[in-house]
Amino acid sequence: MGHKSSEPSELIPGTLDMLILKTVSRVPMHGYAIAESIHDLSDDVLRLQEGALYPALHRLEVRGLLRSSWGVSDNNRRAKYYAITAQGRRVLADEHAAWSRITAAIARIMETA
């Protein structure tokens, strides 16, 4: 206990949508690039599985939080690119505020002697 695991961790339930929205809020991306960005930005701690990522992208698109368009990836393949919508930005802001409150509360509890 207390050592950093070299194995990727599973996401905390309820965070996948927020992480996807945040990732594509920077620039539109295709699914593989989204997964790689989250993995890289988490310093190799978080790894998205295709079985979770693509259903989440579809769900977010159906909810109107993402829009998609076809484009060509860096390796010259046809890929579906996802971009955040105005509604998605509002939901992301709400989820980020809730996440900040929850993590601050947990930190206070964990730091109590």
PDB file of N, CA and C in Angstrom:
ATOM      1  N   MET A   1       0.837  -1.175   0.000  1.00  0.00           N
ATOM      2  CA  MET A   1       0.000   0.000   0.000  1.00  0.00           C
ATOM      3  C   MET A   1       0.885   1.242   0.000  1.00  0.00           C
ATOM      4  N   GLY A   2       0.421   2.326  -0.642  1.00  0.00           N
ATOM      5  CA  GLY A   2       1.189   3.545  -0.666  1.00  0.00           C
ATOM      6  C   GLY A   2       2.123   3.669  -1.854  1.00  0.00           C
ATOM      7  N   HIS A   3       2.219   2.643  -2.712  1.00  0.00           N
ATOM      8  CA  HIS A   3       3.071   2.768  -3.881  1.00  0.00           C
ATOM      9  C   HIS A   3       2.217   3.046  -5.111  1.00  0.00           C
ATOM     10  N   LYS A   4       2.840   3.666  -6.095  1.00  0.00           N
ATOM     11  CA  LYS A   4       2.127   3.990  -7.333  1.00  0.00           C
ATOM     12  C   LYS A   4       2.096   2.745  -8.209  1.00  0.00           C
ATOM     13  N   SER A   5       0.907   2.351  -8.592  1.00  0.00           N
ATOM     14  CA  SER A   5       0.750   1.199  -9.454  1.00  0.00           C
ATOM     15  C   SER A   5       1.084   1.587 -10.890  1.00  0.00           C
ATOM     16  N   SER A   6       1.720   0.686 -11.601  1.00  0.00           N
ATOM     17  CA  SER A   6       2.012   0.946 -13.003  1.00  0.00           C
ATOM     18  C   SER A   6       0.854   0.521 -13.896  1.00  0.00           C
ATOM     19  N   GLU A   7      -0.133  -0.112 -13.310  1.00  0.00           N
ATOM     20  CA  GLU A   7      -1.302  -0.540 -14.062  1.00  0.00           C
ATOM     21  C   GLU A   7      -2.305   0.598 -14.183  1.00  0.00           C
ATOM     22  N   PRO A   8      -2.915   0.788 -15.375  1.00  0.00           N
ATOM     23  CA  PRO A   8      -3.946   1.807 -15.514  1.00  0.00           C
ATOM     24  C   PRO A   8      -5.109   1.522 -14.569  1.00  0.00           C
ATOM     25  N   SER A   9      -5.724   2.567 -14.063  1.00  0.00           N
ATOM     26  CA  SER A   9      -6.842   2.436 -13.139  1.00  0.00           C
ATOM     27  C   SER A   9      -8.164   2.562 -13.878  1.00  0.00           C
ATOM     28  N   GLU A  10      -9.185   1.982 -13.275  1.00  0.00           N
ATOM     29  CA  GLU A  10     -10.526   2.162 -13.808  1.00  0.00           C
ATOM     30  C   GLU A  10     -11.038   3.525 -13.373  1.00  0.00           C
ATOM     31  N   LEU A  11     -11.939   4.060 -14.162  1.00  0.00           N
ATOM     32  CA  LEU A  11     -12.521   5.353 -13.842  1.00  0.00           C
ATOM     33  C   LEU A  11     -13.453   5.259 -12.657  1.00  0.00           C
ATOM     34  N   ILE A  12     -13.549   6.342 -11.924  1.00  0.00           N
ATOM     35  CA  ILE A  12     -14.527   6.444 -10.855  1.00  0.00           C
ATOM     36  C   ILE A  12     -15.896   6.515 -11.522  1.00  0.00           C
ATOM     37  N   PRO A  13     -16.863   5.728 -11.065  1.00  0.00           N
ATOM     38  CA  PRO A  13     -18.194   5.766 -11.694  1.00  0.00           C
ATOM     39  C   PRO A  13     -18.737   7.193 -11.772  1.00  0.00           C
ATOM     40  N   GLY A  14     -19.299   7.515 -12.930  1.00  0.00           N
ATOM     41  CA  GLY A  14     -19.881   8.832 -13.131  1.00  0.00           C
ATOM     42  C   GLY A  14     -18.937   9.868 -13.704  1.00  0.00           C
ATOM     43  N   THR A  15     -17.672   9.516 -13.924  1.00  0.00           N
ATOM     44  CA  THR A  15     -16.715  10.513 -14.417  1.00  0.00           C
ATOM     45  C   THR A  15     -16.446  10.422 -15.916  1.00  0.00           C
ATOM     46  N   LEU A  16     -16.813   9.335 -16.554  1.00  0.00           N
ATOM     47  CA  LEU A  16     -16.484   9.135 -17.963  1.00  0.00           C
ATOM     48  C   LEU A  16     -17.034  10.258 -18.837  1.00  0.00           C
ATOM     49  N   ASP A  17     -18.318  10.573 -18.698  1.00  0.00           N
ATOM     50  CA  ASP A  17     -18.914  11.613 -19.534  1.00  0.00           C
ATOM     51  C   ASP A  17     -18.219  12.952 -19.322  1.00  0.00           C
ATOM     52  N   MET A  18     -17.942  13.296 -18.074  1.00  0.00           N
ATOM     53  CA  MET A  18     -17.278  14.556 -17.766  1.00  0.00           C
ATOM     54  C   MET A  18     -15.889  14.606 -18.415  1.00  0.00           C
ATOM     55  N   LEU A  19     -15.138  13.530 -18.349  1.00  0.00           N
ATOM     56  CA  LEU A  19     -13.797  13.506 -18.931  1.00  0.00           C
ATOM     57  C   LEU A  19     -13.842  13.610 -20.456  1.00  0.00           C
ATOM     58  N   ILE A  20     -14.804  12.948 -21.064  1.00  0.00           N
ATOM     59  CA  ILE A  20     -14.950  13.045 -22.522  1.00  0.00           C
ATOM     60  C   ILE A  20     -15.310  14.469 -22.918  1.00  0.00           C
ATOM     61  N   LEU A  21     -16.293  15.056 -22.243  1.00  0.00           N
ATOM     62  CA  LEU A  21     -16.702  16.425 -22.568  1.00  0.00           C
ATOM     63  C   LEU A  21     -15.534  17.394 -22.404  1.00  0.00           C
ATOM     64  N   LYS A  22     -14.781  17.259 -21.328  1.00  0.00           N
ATOM     65  CA  LYS A  22     -13.631  18.139 -21.103  1.00  0.00           C
ATOM     66  C   LYS A  22     -12.598  17.967 -22.207  1.00  0.00           C
ATOM     67  N   THR A  23     -12.338  16.738 -22.587  1.00  0.00           N
ATOM     68  CA  THR A  23     -11.328  16.451 -23.600  1.00  0.00           C
ATOM     69  C   THR A  23     -11.695  17.069 -24.945  1.00  0.00           C
ATOM     70  N   VAL A  24     -12.938  16.903 -25.381  1.00  0.00           N
ATOM     71  CA  VAL A  24     -13.318  17.456 -26.688  1.00  0.00           C
ATOM     72  C   VAL A  24     -13.660  18.939 -26.610  1.00  0.00           C
ATOM     73  N   SER A  25     -13.704  19.503 -25.398  1.00  0.00           N
ATOM     74  CA  SER A  25     -13.940  20.950 -25.291  1.00  0.00           C
ATOM     75  C   SER A  25     -12.725  21.731 -25.790  1.00  0.00           C
ATOM     76  N   ARG A  26     -11.582  21.088 -25.809  1.00  0.00           N
ATOM     77  CA  ARG A  26     -10.349  21.744 -26.268  1.00  0.00           C
ATOM     78  C   ARG A  26     -10.297  21.796 -27.790  1.00  0.00           C
ATOM     79  N   VAL A  27     -10.569  20.659 -28.411  1.00  0.00           N
ATOM     80  CA  VAL A  27     -10.510  20.539 -29.873  1.00  0.00           C
ATOM     81  C   VAL A  27     -11.293  19.279 -30.265  1.00  0.00           C
ATOM     82  N   PRO A  28     -12.014  19.293 -31.395  1.00  0.00           N
ATOM     83  CA  PRO A  28     -12.705  18.065 -31.830  1.00  0.00           C
ATOM     84  C   PRO A  28     -11.698  16.928 -32.023  1.00  0.00           C
ATOM     85  N   MET A  29     -12.121  15.717 -31.641  1.00  0.00           N
ATOM     86  CA  MET A  29     -11.248  14.546 -31.737  1.00  0.00           C
ATOM     87  C   MET A  29     -12.048  13.320 -32.126  1.00  0.00           C
ATOM     88  N   HIS A  30     -11.366  12.343 -32.688  1.00  0.00           N
ATOM     89  CA  HIS A  30     -11.992  11.043 -32.929  1.00  0.00           C
ATOM     90  C   HIS A  30     -11.801  10.181 -31.684  1.00  0.00           C
ATOM     91  N   GLY A  31     -12.538   9.082 -31.613  1.00  0.00           N
ATOM     92  CA  GLY A  31     -12.576   8.253 -30.407  1.00  0.00           C
ATOM     93  C   GLY A  31     -11.216   7.816 -29.903  1.00  0.00           C
ATOM     94  N   TYR A  32     -10.379   7.306 -30.786  1.00  0.00           N
ATOM     95  CA  TYR A  32      -9.060   6.832 -30.348  1.00  0.00           C
ATOM     96  C   TYR A  32      -8.245   7.977 -29.752  1.00  0.00           C
ATOM     97  N   ALA A  33      -8.315   9.166 -30.377  1.00  0.00           N
ATOM     98  CA  ALA A  33      -7.568  10.327 -29.870  1.00  0.00           C
ATOM     99  C   ALA A  33      -8.096  10.766 -28.506  1.00  0.00           C
ATOM    100  N   ILE A  34      -9.404  10.645 -28.292  1.00  0.00           N
ATOM    101  CA  ILE A  34      -9.985  10.975 -26.986  1.00  0.00           C
ATOM    102  C   ILE A  34      -9.400  10.059 -25.917  1.00  0.00           C
ATOM    103  N   ALA A  35      -9.415   8.761 -26.201  1.00  0.00           N
ATOM    104  CA  ALA A  35      -8.888   7.783 -25.243  1.00  0.00           C
ATOM    105  C   ALA A  35      -7.411   8.035 -24.961  1.00  0.00           C
ATOM    106  N   GLU A  36      -6.633   8.305 -25.993  1.00  0.00           N
ATOM    107  CA  GLU A  36      -5.202   8.550 -25.815  1.00  0.00           C
ATOM    108  C   GLU A  36      -4.949   9.844 -25.047  1.00  0.00           C
ATOM    109  N   SER A  37      -5.738  10.870 -25.324  1.00  0.00           N
ATOM    110  CA  SER A  37      -5.566  12.143 -24.621  1.00  0.00           C
ATOM    111  C   SER A  37      -5.825  11.973 -23.124  1.00  0.00           C
ATOM    112  N   ILE A  38      -6.905  11.282 -22.777  1.00  0.00           N
ATOM    113  CA  ILE A  38      -7.221  11.051 -21.363  1.00  0.00           C
ATOM    114  C   ILE A  38      -6.110  10.233 -20.703  1.00  0.00           C
ATOM    115  N   HIS A  39      -5.628   9.229 -21.395  1.00  0.00           N
ATOM    116  CA  HIS A  39      -4.546   8.401 -20.862  1.00  0.00           C
ATOM    117  C   HIS A  39      -3.282   9.234 -20.647  1.00  0.00           C
ATOM    118  N   ASP A  40      -2.925  10.035 -21.638  1.00  0.00           N
ATOM    119  CA  ASP A  40      -1.712  10.852 -21.544  1.00  0.00           C
ATOM    120  C   ASP A  40      -1.834  11.930 -20.467  1.00  0.00           C
ATOM    121  N   LEU A  41      -2.962  12.651 -20.451  1.00  0.00           N
ATOM    122  CA  LEU A  41      -3.134  13.738 -19.489  1.00  0.00           C
ATOM    123  C   LEU A  41      -3.239  13.245 -18.048  1.00  0.00           C
ATOM    124  N   SER A  42      -3.615  11.979 -17.879  1.00  0.00           N
ATOM    125  CA  SER A  42      -3.693  11.406 -16.530  1.00  0.00           C
ATOM    126  C   SER A  42      -2.367  10.790 -16.100  1.00  0.00           C
ATOM    127  N   ASP A  43      -1.311  11.049 -16.859  1.00  0.00           N
ATOM    128  CA  ASP A  43       0.001  10.446 -16.576  1.00  0.00           C
ATOM    129  C   ASP A  43      -0.080   8.926 -16.525  1.00  0.00           C
ATOM    130  N   ASP A  44      -0.775   8.370 -17.499  1.00  0.00           N
ATOM    131  CA  ASP A  44      -0.891   6.916 -17.680  1.00  0.00           C
ATOM    132  C   ASP A  44      -1.691   6.225 -16.580  1.00  0.00           C
ATOM    133  N   VAL A  45      -2.493   6.959 -15.822  1.00  0.00           N
ATOM    134  CA  VAL A  45      -3.279   6.352 -14.755  1.00  0.00           C
ATOM    135  C   VAL A  45      -4.623   5.858 -15.288  1.00  0.00           C
ATOM    136  N   LEU A  46      -5.265   6.633 -16.148  1.00  0.00           N
ATOM    137  CA  LEU A  46      -6.593   6.277 -16.652  1.00  0.00           C
ATOM    138  C   LEU A  46      -6.504   5.743 -18.070  1.00  0.00           C
ATOM    139  N   ARG A  47      -7.159   4.633 -18.301  1.00  0.00           N
ATOM    140  CA  ARG A  47      -7.217   4.065 -19.648  1.00  0.00           C
ATOM    141  C   ARG A  47      -8.673   3.707 -19.950  1.00  0.00           C
ATOM    142  N   LEU A  48      -9.181   4.270 -21.052  1.00  0.00           N
ATOM    143  CA  LEU A  48     -10.557   3.989 -21.460  1.00  0.00           C
ATOM    144  C   LEU A  48     -10.588   2.750 -22.339  1.00  0.00           C
ATOM    145  N   GLN A  49     -11.524   1.874 -22.048  1.00  0.00           N
ATOM    146  CA  GLN A  49     -11.737   0.699 -22.880  1.00  0.00           C
ATOM    147  C   GLN A  49     -12.740   1.039 -23.967  1.00  0.00           C
ATOM    148  N   GLU A  50     -12.554   0.475 -25.160  1.00  0.00           N
ATOM    149  CA  GLU A  50     -13.474   0.746 -26.267  1.00  0.00           C
ATOM    150  C   GLU A  50     -14.912   0.431 -25.892  1.00  0.00           C
ATOM    151  N   GLY A  51     -15.104  -0.620 -25.094  1.00  0.00           N
ATOM    152  CA  GLY A  51     -16.444  -1.029 -24.697  1.00  0.00           C
ATOM    153  C   GLY A  51     -17.155  -0.007 -23.824  1.00  0.00           C
ATOM    154  N   ALA A  52     -16.407   0.915 -23.237  1.00  0.00           N
ATOM    155  CA  ALA A  52     -16.998   1.994 -22.450  1.00  0.00           C
ATOM    156  C   ALA A  52     -17.017   3.298 -23.246  1.00  0.00           C
ATOM    157  N   LEU A  53     -15.958   3.563 -24.000  1.00  0.00           N
ATOM    158  CA  LEU A  53     -15.818   4.830 -24.702  1.00  0.00           C
ATOM    159  C   LEU A  53     -16.882   5.036 -25.776  1.00  0.00           C
ATOM    160  N   TYR A  54     -17.022   4.102 -26.692  1.00  0.00           N
ATOM    161  CA  TYR A  54     -17.909   4.335 -27.838  1.00  0.00           C
ATOM    162  C   TYR A  54     -19.389   4.395 -27.455  1.00  0.00           C
ATOM    163  N   PRO A  55     -19.863   3.571 -26.519  1.00  0.00           N
ATOM    164  CA  PRO A  55     -21.245   3.775 -26.052  1.00  0.00           C
ATOM    165  C   PRO A  55     -21.432   5.135 -25.379  1.00  0.00           C
ATOM    166  N   ALA A  56     -20.420   5.598 -24.651  1.00  0.00           N
ATOM    167  CA  ALA A  56     -20.514   6.909 -24.002  1.00  0.00           C
ATOM    168  C   ALA A  56     -20.562   8.020 -25.047  1.00  0.00           C
ATOM    169  N   LEU A  57     -19.748   7.934 -26.083  1.00  0.00           N
ATOM    170  CA  LEU A  57     -19.783   8.935 -27.148  1.00  0.00           C
ATOM    171  C   LEU A  57     -21.164   8.968 -27.797  1.00  0.00           C
ATOM    172  N   HIS A  58     -21.705   7.807 -28.079  1.00  0.00           N
ATOM    173  CA  HIS A  58     -23.050   7.732 -28.679  1.00  0.00           C
ATOM    174  C   HIS A  58     -24.087   8.346 -27.742  1.00  0.00           C
ATOM    175  N   ARG A  59     -24.022   7.990 -26.474  1.00  0.00           N
ATOM    176  CA  ARG A  59     -24.976   8.503 -25.480  1.00  0.00           C
ATOM    177  C   ARG A  59     -24.900  10.027 -25.394  1.00  0.00           C
ATOM    178  N   LEU A  60     -23.691  10.580 -25.378  1.00  0.00           N
ATOM    179  CA  LEU A  60     -23.508  12.025 -25.295  1.00  0.00           C
ATOM    180  C   LEU A  60     -24.022  12.717 -26.560  1.00  0.00           C
ATOM    181  N   GLU A  61     -23.858  12.060 -27.683  1.00  0.00           N
ATOM    182  CA  GLU A  61     -24.365  12.625 -28.941  1.00  0.00           C
ATOM    183  C   GLU A  61     -25.894  12.616 -28.964  1.00  0.00           C
ATOM    184  N   VAL A  62     -26.490  11.527 -28.532  1.00  0.00           N
ATOM    185  CA  VAL A  62     -27.955  11.428 -28.478  1.00  0.00           C
ATOM    186  C   VAL A  62     -28.528  12.483 -27.536  1.00  0.00           C
ATOM    187  N   ARG A  63     -27.841  12.752 -26.440  1.00  0.00           N
ATOM    188  CA  ARG A  63     -28.293  13.760 -25.464  1.00  0.00           C
ATOM    189  C   ARG A  63     -28.074  15.190 -25.951  1.00  0.00           C
ATOM    190  N   GLY A  64     -27.395  15.355 -27.092  1.00  0.00           N
ATOM    191  CA  GLY A  64     -27.151  16.682 -27.637  1.00  0.00           C
ATOM    192  C   GLY A  64     -25.958  17.389 -27.026  1.00  0.00           C
ATOM    193  N   LEU A  65     -25.102  16.643 -26.318  1.00  0.00           N
ATOM    194  CA  LEU A  65     -23.938  17.240 -25.668  1.00  0.00           C
ATOM    195  C   LEU A  65     -22.703  17.225 -26.567  1.00  0.00           C
ATOM    196  N   LEU A  66     -22.719  16.333 -27.548  1.00  0.00           N
ATOM    197  CA  LEU A  66     -21.676  16.246 -28.570  1.00  0.00           C
ATOM    198  C   LEU A  66     -22.331  16.249 -29.946  1.00  0.00           C
ATOM    199  N   ARG A  67     -21.596  16.707 -30.929  1.00  0.00           N
ATOM    200  CA  ARG A  67     -22.004  16.542 -32.324  1.00  0.00           C
ATOM    201  C   ARG A  67     -20.837  15.854 -33.030  1.00  0.00           C
ATOM    202  N   SER A  68     -21.124  15.167 -34.095  1.00  0.00           N
ATOM    203  CA  SER A  68     -20.060  14.447 -34.788  1.00  0.00           C
ATOM    204  C   SER A  68     -20.069  14.774 -36.274  1.00  0.00           C
ATOM    205  N   SER A  69     -18.905  14.577 -36.874  1.00  0.00           N
ATOM    206  CA  SER A  69     -18.764  14.726 -38.321  1.00  0.00           C
ATOM    207  C   SER A  69     -17.627  13.800 -38.760  1.00  0.00           C
ATOM    208  N   TRP A  70     -17.691  13.401 -40.007  1.00  0.00           N
ATOM    209  CA  TRP A  70     -16.656  12.514 -40.524  1.00  0.00           C
ATOM    210  C   TRP A  70     -15.485  13.343 -41.028  1.00  0.00           C
ATOM    211  N   GLY A  71     -14.295  12.841 -40.787  1.00  0.00           N
ATOM    212  CA  GLY A  71     -13.080  13.496 -41.243  1.00  0.00           C
ATOM    213  C   GLY A  71     -12.008  12.457 -41.483  1.00  0.00           C
ATOM    214  N   VAL A  72     -10.791  12.925 -41.699  1.00  0.00           N
ATOM    215  CA  VAL A  72      -9.658  12.040 -41.952  1.00  0.00           C
ATOM    216  C   VAL A  72      -8.672  12.195 -40.800  1.00  0.00           C
ATOM    217  N   SER A  73      -8.272  11.068 -40.223  1.00  0.00           N
ATOM    218  CA  SER A  73      -7.353  11.081 -39.078  1.00  0.00           C
ATOM    219  C   SER A  73      -5.918  11.351 -39.541  1.00  0.00           C
ATOM    220  N   ASP A  74      -5.017  11.498 -38.579  1.00  0.00           N
ATOM    221  CA  ASP A  74      -3.607  11.749 -38.876  1.00  0.00           C
ATOM    222  C   ASP A  74      -2.984  10.630 -39.708  1.00  0.00           C
ATOM    223  N   ASN A  75      -3.489   9.419 -39.535  1.00  0.00           N
ATOM    224  CA  ASN A  75      -2.934   8.301 -40.315  1.00  0.00           C
ATOM    225  C   ASN A  75      -3.737   8.059 -41.600  1.00  0.00           C
ATOM    226  N   ASN A  76      -4.463   9.106 -42.039  1.00  0.00           N
ATOM    227  CA  ASN A  76      -5.168   9.114 -43.318  1.00  0.00           C
ATOM    228  C   ASN A  76      -6.330   8.118 -43.397  1.00  0.00           C
ATOM    229  N   ARG A  77      -6.975   7.869 -42.267  1.00  0.00           N
ATOM    230  CA  ARG A  77      -8.141   6.990 -42.243  1.00  0.00           C
ATOM    231  C   ARG A  77      -9.385   7.811 -41.960  1.00  0.00           C
ATOM    232  N   ARG A  78     -10.505   7.348 -42.448  1.00  0.00           N
ATOM    233  CA  ARG A  78     -11.781   7.995 -42.181  1.00  0.00           C
ATOM    234  C   ARG A  78     -12.127   7.789 -40.703  1.00  0.00           C
ATOM    235  N   ALA A  79     -12.502   8.865 -40.033  1.00  0.00           N
ATOM    236  CA  ALA A  79     -12.792   8.781 -38.600  1.00  0.00           C
ATOM    237  C   ALA A  79     -13.927   9.733 -38.253  1.00  0.00           C
ATOM    238  N   LYS A  80     -14.687   9.365 -37.249  1.00  0.00           N
ATOM    239  CA  LYS A  80     -15.769  10.210 -36.755  1.00  0.00           C
ATOM    240  C   LYS A  80     -15.204  11.123 -35.676  1.00  0.00           C
ATOM    241  N   TYR A  81     -15.304  12.416 -35.897  1.00  0.00           N
ATOM    242  CA  TYR A  81     -14.796  13.418 -34.961  1.00  0.00           C
ATOM    243  C   TYR A  81     -15.940  13.952 -34.115  1.00  0.00           C
ATOM    244  N   TYR A  82     -15.656  14.147 -32.834  1.00  0.00           N
ATOM    245  CA  TYR A  82     -16.656  14.629 -31.885  1.00  0.00           C
ATOM    246  C   TYR A  82     -16.262  16.013 -31.397  1.00  0.00           C
ATOM    247  N   ALA A  83     -17.272  16.888 -31.294  1.00  0.00           N
ATOM    248  CA  ALA A  83     -17.072  18.243 -30.775  1.00  0.00           C
ATOM    249  C   ALA A  83     -18.161  18.515 -29.748  1.00  0.00           C
ATOM    250  N   ILE A  84     -17.850  19.328 -28.768  1.00  0.00           N
ATOM    251  CA  ILE A  84     -18.814  19.655 -27.724  1.00  0.00           C
ATOM    252  C   ILE A  84     -19.801  20.706 -28.253  1.00  0.00           C
ATOM    253  N   THR A  85     -21.041  20.606 -27.837  1.00  0.00           N
ATOM    254  CA  THR A  85     -22.070  21.579 -28.201  1.00  0.00           C
ATOM    255  C   THR A  85     -22.184  22.621 -27.086  1.00  0.00           C
ATOM    256  N   ALA A  86     -22.971  23.664 -27.337  1.00  0.00           N
ATOM    257  CA  ALA A  86     -23.201  24.680 -26.299  1.00  0.00           C
ATOM    258  C   ALA A  86     -23.860  24.035 -25.081  1.00  0.00           C
ATOM    259  N   GLN A  87     -24.812  23.152 -25.327  1.00  0.00           N
ATOM    260  CA  GLN A  87     -25.455  22.447 -24.208  1.00  0.00           C
ATOM    261  C   GLN A  87     -24.435  21.582 -23.473  1.00  0.00           C
ATOM    262  N   GLY A  88     -23.533  20.954 -24.205  1.00  0.00           N
ATOM    263  CA  GLY A  88     -22.484  20.149 -23.596  1.00  0.00           C
ATOM    264  C   GLY A  88     -21.566  20.988 -22.717  1.00  0.00           C
ATOM    265  N   ARG A  89     -21.271  22.207 -23.138  1.00  0.00           N
ATOM    266  CA  ARG A  89     -20.436  23.107 -22.327  1.00  0.00           C
ATOM    267  C   ARG A  89     -21.137  23.459 -21.017  1.00  0.00           C
ATOM    268  N   ARG A  90     -22.452  23.673 -21.071  1.00  0.00           N
ATOM    269  CA  ARG A  90     -23.199  23.984 -19.841  1.00  0.00           C
ATOM    270  C   ARG A  90     -23.190  22.789 -18.891  1.00  0.00           C
ATOM    271  N   VAL A  91     -23.428  21.600 -19.429  1.00  0.00           N
ATOM    272  CA  VAL A  91     -23.423  20.394 -18.603  1.00  0.00           C
ATOM    273  C   VAL A  91     -22.031  20.162 -18.029  1.00  0.00           C
ATOM    274  N   LEU A  92     -20.993  20.368 -18.826  1.00  0.00           N
ATOM    275  CA  LEU A  92     -19.628  20.213 -18.341  1.00  0.00           C
ATOM    276  C   LEU A  92     -19.349  21.169 -17.194  1.00  0.00           C
ATOM    277  N   ALA A  93     -19.767  22.408 -17.313  1.00  0.00           N
ATOM    278  CA  ALA A  93     -19.544  23.384 -16.239  1.00  0.00           C
ATOM    279  C   ALA A  93     -20.247  22.940 -14.956  1.00  0.00           C
ATOM    280  N   ASP A  94     -21.469  22.440 -15.072  1.00  0.00           N
ATOM    281  CA  ASP A  94     -22.204  21.955 -13.898  1.00  0.00           C
ATOM    282  C   ASP A  94     -21.512  20.746 -13.272  1.00  0.00           C
ATOM    283  N   GLU A  95     -21.092  19.796 -14.118  1.00  0.00           N
ATOM    284  CA  GLU A  95     -20.434  18.589 -13.615  1.00  0.00           C
ATOM    285  C   GLU A  95     -19.081  18.926 -12.984  1.00  0.00           C
ATOM    286  N   HIS A  96     -18.367  19.873 -13.568  1.00  0.00           N
ATOM    287  CA  HIS A  96     -17.078  20.277 -13.008  1.00  0.00           C
ATOM    288  C   HIS A  96     -17.267  20.910 -11.627  1.00  0.00           C
ATOM    289  N   ALA A  97     -18.279  21.745 -11.484  1.00  0.00           N
ATOM    290  CA  ALA A  97     -18.549  22.379 -10.184  1.00  0.00           C
ATOM    291  C   ALA A  97     -18.911  21.319  -9.141  1.00  0.00           C
ATOM    292  N   ALA A  98     -19.745  20.360  -9.517  1.00  0.00           N
ATOM    293  CA  ALA A  98     -20.124  19.290  -8.586  1.00  0.00           C
ATOM    294  C   ALA A  98     -18.902  18.444  -8.223  1.00  0.00           C
ATOM    295  N   TRP A  99     -18.076  18.120  -9.205  1.00  0.00           N
ATOM    296  CA  TRP A  99     -16.862  17.331  -8.971  1.00  0.00           C
ATOM    297  C   TRP A  99     -15.934  18.064  -7.998  1.00  0.00           C
ATOM    298  N   SER A 100     -15.774  19.357  -8.189  1.00  0.00           N
ATOM    299  CA  SER A 100     -14.907  20.144  -7.302  1.00  0.00           C
ATOM    300  C   SER A 100     -15.417  20.124  -5.865  1.00  0.00           C
ATOM    301  N   ARG A 101     -16.728  20.248  -5.687  1.00  0.00           N
ATOM    302  CA  ARG A 101     -17.311  20.201  -4.338  1.00  0.00           C
ATOM    303  C   ARG A 101     -17.081  18.838  -3.690  1.00  0.00           C
ATOM    304  N   ILE A 102     -17.320  17.784  -4.439  1.00  0.00           N
ATOM    305  CA  ILE A 102     -17.188  16.427  -3.902  1.00  0.00           C
ATOM    306  C   ILE A 102     -15.734  16.112  -3.558  1.00  0.00           C
ATOM    307  N   THR A 103     -14.810  16.411  -4.465  1.00  0.00           N
ATOM    308  CA  THR A 103     -13.408  16.092  -4.191  1.00  0.00           C
ATOM    309  C   THR A 103     -12.862  16.921  -3.036  1.00  0.00           C
ATOM    310  N   ALA A 104     -13.301  18.173  -2.899  1.00  0.00           N
ATOM    311  CA  ALA A 104     -12.868  18.999  -1.761  1.00  0.00           C
ATOM    312  C   ALA A 104     -13.395  18.413  -0.452  1.00  0.00           C
ATOM    313  N   ALA A 105     -14.640  17.944  -0.451  1.00  0.00           N
ATOM    314  CA  ALA A 105     -15.216  17.347   0.759  1.00  0.00           C
ATOM    315  C   ALA A 105     -14.482  16.056   1.129  1.00  0.00           C
ATOM    316  N   ILE A 106     -14.186  15.227   0.138  1.00  0.00           N
ATOM    317  CA  ILE A 106     -13.451  13.986   0.402  1.00  0.00           C
ATOM    318  C   ILE A 106     -12.058  14.310   0.930  1.00  0.00           C
ATOM    319  N   ALA A 107     -11.397  15.310   0.335  1.00  0.00           N
ATOM    320  CA  ALA A 107     -10.055  15.694   0.791  1.00  0.00           C
ATOM    321  C   ALA A 107     -10.093  16.149   2.247  1.00  0.00           C
ATOM    322  N   ARG A 108     -11.114  16.913   2.609  1.00  0.00           N
ATOM    323  CA  ARG A 108     -11.213  17.360   4.012  1.00  0.00           C
ATOM    324  C   ARG A 108     -11.344  16.168   4.955  1.00  0.00           C
ATOM    325  N   ILE A 109     -12.132  15.197   4.575  1.00  0.00           N
ATOM    326  CA  ILE A 109     -12.314  14.008   5.417  1.00  0.00           C
ATOM    327  C   ILE A 109     -11.015  13.212   5.497  1.00  0.00           C
ATOM    328  N   MET A 110     -10.355  13.024   4.378  1.00  0.00           N
ATOM    329  CA  MET A 110      -9.125  12.228   4.363  1.00  0.00           C
ATOM    330  C   MET A 110      -7.979  12.902   5.102  1.00  0.00           C
ATOM    331  N   GLU A 111      -7.990  14.214   5.173  1.00  0.00           N
ATOM    332  CA  GLU A 111      -6.908  14.947   5.848  1.00  0.00           C
ATOM    333  C   GLU A 111      -7.173  15.128   7.337  1.00  0.00           C
ATOM    334  N   THR A 112      -8.351  14.742   7.811  1.00  0.00           N
ATOM    335  CA  THR A 112      -8.677  14.865   9.225  1.00  0.00           C
ATOM    336  C   THR A 112      -7.962  13.771   9.997  1.00  0.00           C
ATOM    337  N   ALA A 113      -7.335  14.149  11.096  1.00  0.00           N
ATOM    338  CA  ALA A 113      -6.566  13.197  11.912  1.00  0.00           C
ATOM    339  C   ALA A 113      -7.452  12.149  12.559  1.00  0.00           C
TER     340      ALA A 113
END
